[in-house]
């Protein structure tokens, strides 16, 4: 998945397991599961992202999935959108430490971002209806919202479909990306 950039992914995992825990971005119980539950859970979606895409990760927190995608795919231009200062400080330090020149950290709420992206993503941020209202205005025409969700994805789609259609969704599908024991469920909303 990371090919020649596996060392960067390992360094990021170490940052999550140390500074991420100390700063409250990752719970201490998550440390043994950083690779399968967080890094690989994010990385398995990478093949779905078009070459050279611009990506916005809304409510990125510790950089999941955006930093993982930027590490795995240096052809992407990734904007990590996060409103909290302590998180953006962590992200800026991580980006600098990893030497990633394809990542920008933006301290903002999604509603205050006034640009569009080929791919907009979010992981464990909000219910799909609310997430759609925040993210769909940021998706370029022909672009896609990739919402990393849990098992409730199908139920969320039913509730969110009217809002997503009103916001320009032309296609709404649930895709599952295999990741060992913990598959990644993604609601893919094309605009």
Protein backbone atom coordinates (compact mmCIF):
# COMPACT_ATOMS: atom_id res chain seq x y z
CA UNK A 1 0.00 0.00 0.00
CA UNK A 2 2.79 2.44 0.90
CA UNK A 3 5.56 0.91 -1.27
CA UNK A 4 8.66 3.10 -1.00
CA UNK A 5 7.00 5.33 1.61
CA UNK A 6 6.44 2.63 4.24
CA UNK A 7 9.04 4.32 6.46
CA UNK A 8 6.91 7.50 6.48
CA UNK A 9 3.83 5.49 7.43
CA UNK A 10 5.80 3.85 10.26
CA UNK A 11 6.99 7.26 11.47
CA UNK A 12 3.42 8.57 11.39
CA UNK A 13 2.24 5.52 13.39
CA UNK A 14 4.95 6.31 15.95
CA UNK A 15 3.82 9.96 16.13
CA UNK A 16 0.24 8.79 16.74
CA UNK A 17 1.35 6.31 19.41
CA UNK A 18 3.41 8.92 21.27
CA UNK A 19 2.44 12.58 20.71
CA UNK A 20 -1.03 11.58 19.53
CA UNK A 21 -1.75 9.86 22.84
CA UNK A 22 -0.09 12.54 25.01
CA UNK A 23 -2.15 15.26 23.26
CA UNK A 24 -5.39 13.31 23.49
CA UNK A 25 -5.84 12.70 19.76
CA UNK A 26 -5.63 8.92 20.09
CA UNK A 27 -6.72 7.01 23.18
CA UNK A 28 -4.04 4.92 24.90
CA UNK A 29 -6.10 1.76 24.25
CA UNK A 30 -5.86 2.46 20.53
CA UNK A 31 -2.05 2.18 20.40
CA UNK A 32 -1.99 -1.60 19.77
CA UNK A 33 -4.58 -1.09 17.00
CA UNK A 34 -3.07 1.95 15.27
CA UNK A 35 -2.07 -0.03 12.18
CA UNK A 36 -5.21 -2.08 11.57
CA UNK A 37 -7.92 0.19 12.95
CA UNK A 38 -6.56 3.55 11.88
CA UNK A 39 -3.75 3.51 9.31
CA UNK A 40 -4.78 0.52 7.18
CA UNK A 41 -8.47 1.36 7.67
CA UNK A 42 -7.68 4.66 5.94
CA UNK A 43 -5.11 3.34 3.45
CA UNK A 44 -7.32 0.70 1.82
CA UNK A 45 -9.38 3.49 0.23
CA UNK A 46 -6.34 5.00 -1.55
CA UNK A 47 -6.84 3.10 -4.86
CA UNK A 48 -10.30 4.75 -5.17
CA UNK A 49 -8.79 8.25 -5.35
CA UNK A 50 -8.09 9.56 -8.88
CA UNK A 51 -4.50 10.32 -9.84
CA UNK A 52 -3.40 13.87 -9.05
CA UNK A 53 -6.60 14.67 -7.14
CA UNK A 54 -7.09 17.54 -4.75
CA UNK A 55 -8.39 16.19 -1.44
CA UNK A 56 -9.97 17.84 1.61
CA UNK A 57 -10.18 15.85 4.84
CA UNK A 58 -12.90 17.45 6.96
CA UNK A 59 -12.57 17.19 10.73
CA UNK A 60 -9.30 15.35 10.26
CA UNK A 61 -8.41 15.20 13.96
CA UNK A 62 -5.10 13.34 14.10
CA UNK A 63 -4.88 13.26 10.28
CA UNK A 64 -7.05 10.26 9.52
CA UNK A 65 -7.49 9.53 6.68
CA UNK A 66 -5.84 12.58 5.05
CA UNK A 67 -2.27 12.16 6.28
CA UNK A 68 -2.34 8.45 5.49
CA UNK A 69 -3.52 9.23 1.94
CA UNK A 70 -0.84 11.92 1.51
CA UNK A 71 1.84 9.48 2.64
CA UNK A 72 0.63 6.67 0.38
CA UNK A 73 0.01 8.94 -2.62
CA UNK A 74 2.48 11.81 -3.11
CA UNK A 75 0.58 12.72 -6.31
CA UNK A 76 -2.34 13.98 -4.20
CA UNK A 77 -2.67 17.52 -2.88
CA UNK A 78 -4.25 17.12 0.56
CA UNK A 79 -5.84 19.82 2.72
CA UNK A 80 -6.43 18.81 6.33
CA UNK A 81 -9.38 20.85 7.65
CA UNK A 82 -9.67 21.00 11.44
CA UNK A 83 -11.17 23.74 13.62
CA UNK A 84 -9.32 23.04 16.89
CA UNK A 85 -5.97 24.76 17.48
CA UNK A 86 -4.40 21.93 19.50
CA UNK A 87 -5.15 19.52 16.65
CA UNK A 88 -3.89 21.81 13.88
CA UNK A 89 -0.71 22.39 15.88
CA UNK A 90 -0.22 18.62 16.11
CA UNK A 91 -0.92 18.24 12.38
CA UNK A 92 1.50 21.01 11.37
CA UNK A 93 4.22 19.43 13.50
CA UNK A 94 3.52 15.96 12.03
CA UNK A 95 3.56 17.29 8.44
CA UNK A 96 6.88 19.07 9.09
CA UNK A 97 8.39 16.05 10.85
CA UNK A 98 7.39 13.76 7.98
CA UNK A 99 8.57 16.23 5.32
CA UNK A 100 5.28 16.11 3.43
CA UNK A 101 5.12 18.83 0.79
CA UNK A 102 1.74 17.74 -0.57
CA UNK A 103 -0.21 18.62 2.60
CA UNK A 104 -1.71 21.87 3.84
CA UNK A 105 -3.22 22.26 7.31
CA UNK A 106 -6.20 24.61 7.43
CA UNK A 107 -7.65 25.66 10.77
CA UNK A 108 -11.29 26.09 9.84
CA UNK A 109 -14.74 24.66 10.04
CA UNK A 110 -16.00 23.03 6.83
CA UNK A 111 -18.72 25.67 6.47
CA UNK A 112 -16.06 28.39 6.29
CA UNK A 113 -14.01 26.79 3.50
CA UNK A 114 -14.69 28.49 0.16
CA UNK A 115 -12.96 26.26 -2.37
CA UNK A 116 -13.73 22.95 -4.03
CA UNK A 117 -11.85 19.67 -4.26
CA UNK A 118 -11.90 16.55 -6.43
CA UNK A 119 -12.34 14.40 -3.33
CA UNK A 120 -13.73 15.37 0.05
CA UNK A 121 -13.47 12.89 2.90
CA UNK A 122 -14.34 12.54 6.55
CA UNK A 123 -13.93 9.72 9.04
CA UNK A 124 -16.05 9.43 12.18
CA UNK A 125 -17.12 13.09 12.09
CA UNK A 126 -20.93 13.25 11.93
CA UNK A 127 -24.06 11.54 10.68
CA UNK A 128 -24.22 11.46 6.86
CA UNK A 129 -27.06 14.01 6.65
CA UNK A 130 -25.05 16.63 8.56
CA UNK A 131 -21.79 15.57 6.91
CA UNK A 132 -23.39 16.04 3.49
CA UNK A 133 -24.40 19.60 4.34
CA UNK A 134 -20.83 20.37 5.38
CA UNK A 135 -18.98 18.50 2.64
CA UNK A 136 -21.02 18.52 -0.57
CA UNK A 137 -20.52 22.27 -1.19
CA UNK A 138 -16.76 21.52 -1.19
CA UNK A 139 -16.98 18.76 -3.84
CA UNK A 140 -16.14 19.89 -7.37
CA UNK A 141 -18.60 18.94 -10.12
CA UNK A 142 -17.70 15.39 -11.12
CA UNK A 143 -15.95 14.93 -7.77
CA UNK A 144 -16.80 12.62 -4.90
CA UNK A 145 -17.41 12.62 -1.18
CA UNK A 146 -15.81 9.54 0.40
CA UNK A 147 -17.32 9.25 3.88
CA UNK A 148 -15.63 6.52 5.92
CA UNK A 149 -18.46 5.03 7.96
CA UNK A 150 -19.28 2.08 10.14
CA UNK A 151 -21.95 -0.55 9.90
CA UNK A 152 -24.74 2.04 10.06
CA UNK A 153 -23.88 3.33 6.57
CA UNK A 154 -26.98 1.92 4.86
CA UNK A 155 -29.31 3.39 7.48
CA UNK A 156 -27.56 6.74 7.25
CA UNK A 157 -27.95 6.77 3.47
CA UNK A 158 -31.69 6.29 3.75
CA UNK A 159 -32.00 9.29 6.05
CA UNK A 160 -29.52 11.47 4.14
CA UNK A 161 -30.52 10.80 0.52
CA UNK A 162 -32.95 13.75 0.17
CA UNK A 163 -30.33 16.18 1.52
CA UNK A 164 -27.54 14.70 -0.61
CA UNK A 165 -29.68 14.85 -3.77
CA UNK A 166 -30.62 18.47 -3.02
CA UNK A 167 -26.89 19.23 -2.71
CA UNK A 168 -26.11 17.75 -6.13
CA UNK A 169 -25.50 14.04 -5.52
CA UNK A 170 -25.90 12.03 -8.71
CA UNK A 171 -24.86 8.68 -7.25
CA UNK A 172 -24.80 7.34 -3.68
CA UNK A 173 -23.29 3.90 -3.06
CA UNK A 174 -21.79 1.94 -0.20
CA UNK A 175 -18.43 0.35 -0.93
CA UNK A 176 -16.49 -2.02 1.30
CA UNK A 177 -12.71 -2.11 1.17
CA UNK A 178 -11.13 -5.19 2.70
CA UNK A 179 -8.61 -4.63 5.46
CA UNK A 180 -8.02 -7.96 7.15
CA UNK A 181 -10.48 -8.45 9.99
CA UNK A 182 -11.84 -4.90 9.93
CA UNK A 183 -13.29 -3.88 6.54
CA UNK A 184 -13.61 -0.18 5.74
CA UNK A 185 -17.11 0.91 4.78
CA UNK A 186 -17.27 4.02 2.61
CA UNK A 187 -20.31 5.96 1.44
CA UNK A 188 -19.32 7.27 -1.99
CA UNK A 189 -21.36 10.28 -3.09
CA UNK A 190 -20.65 11.54 -6.62
CA UNK A 191 -21.56 15.11 -7.54
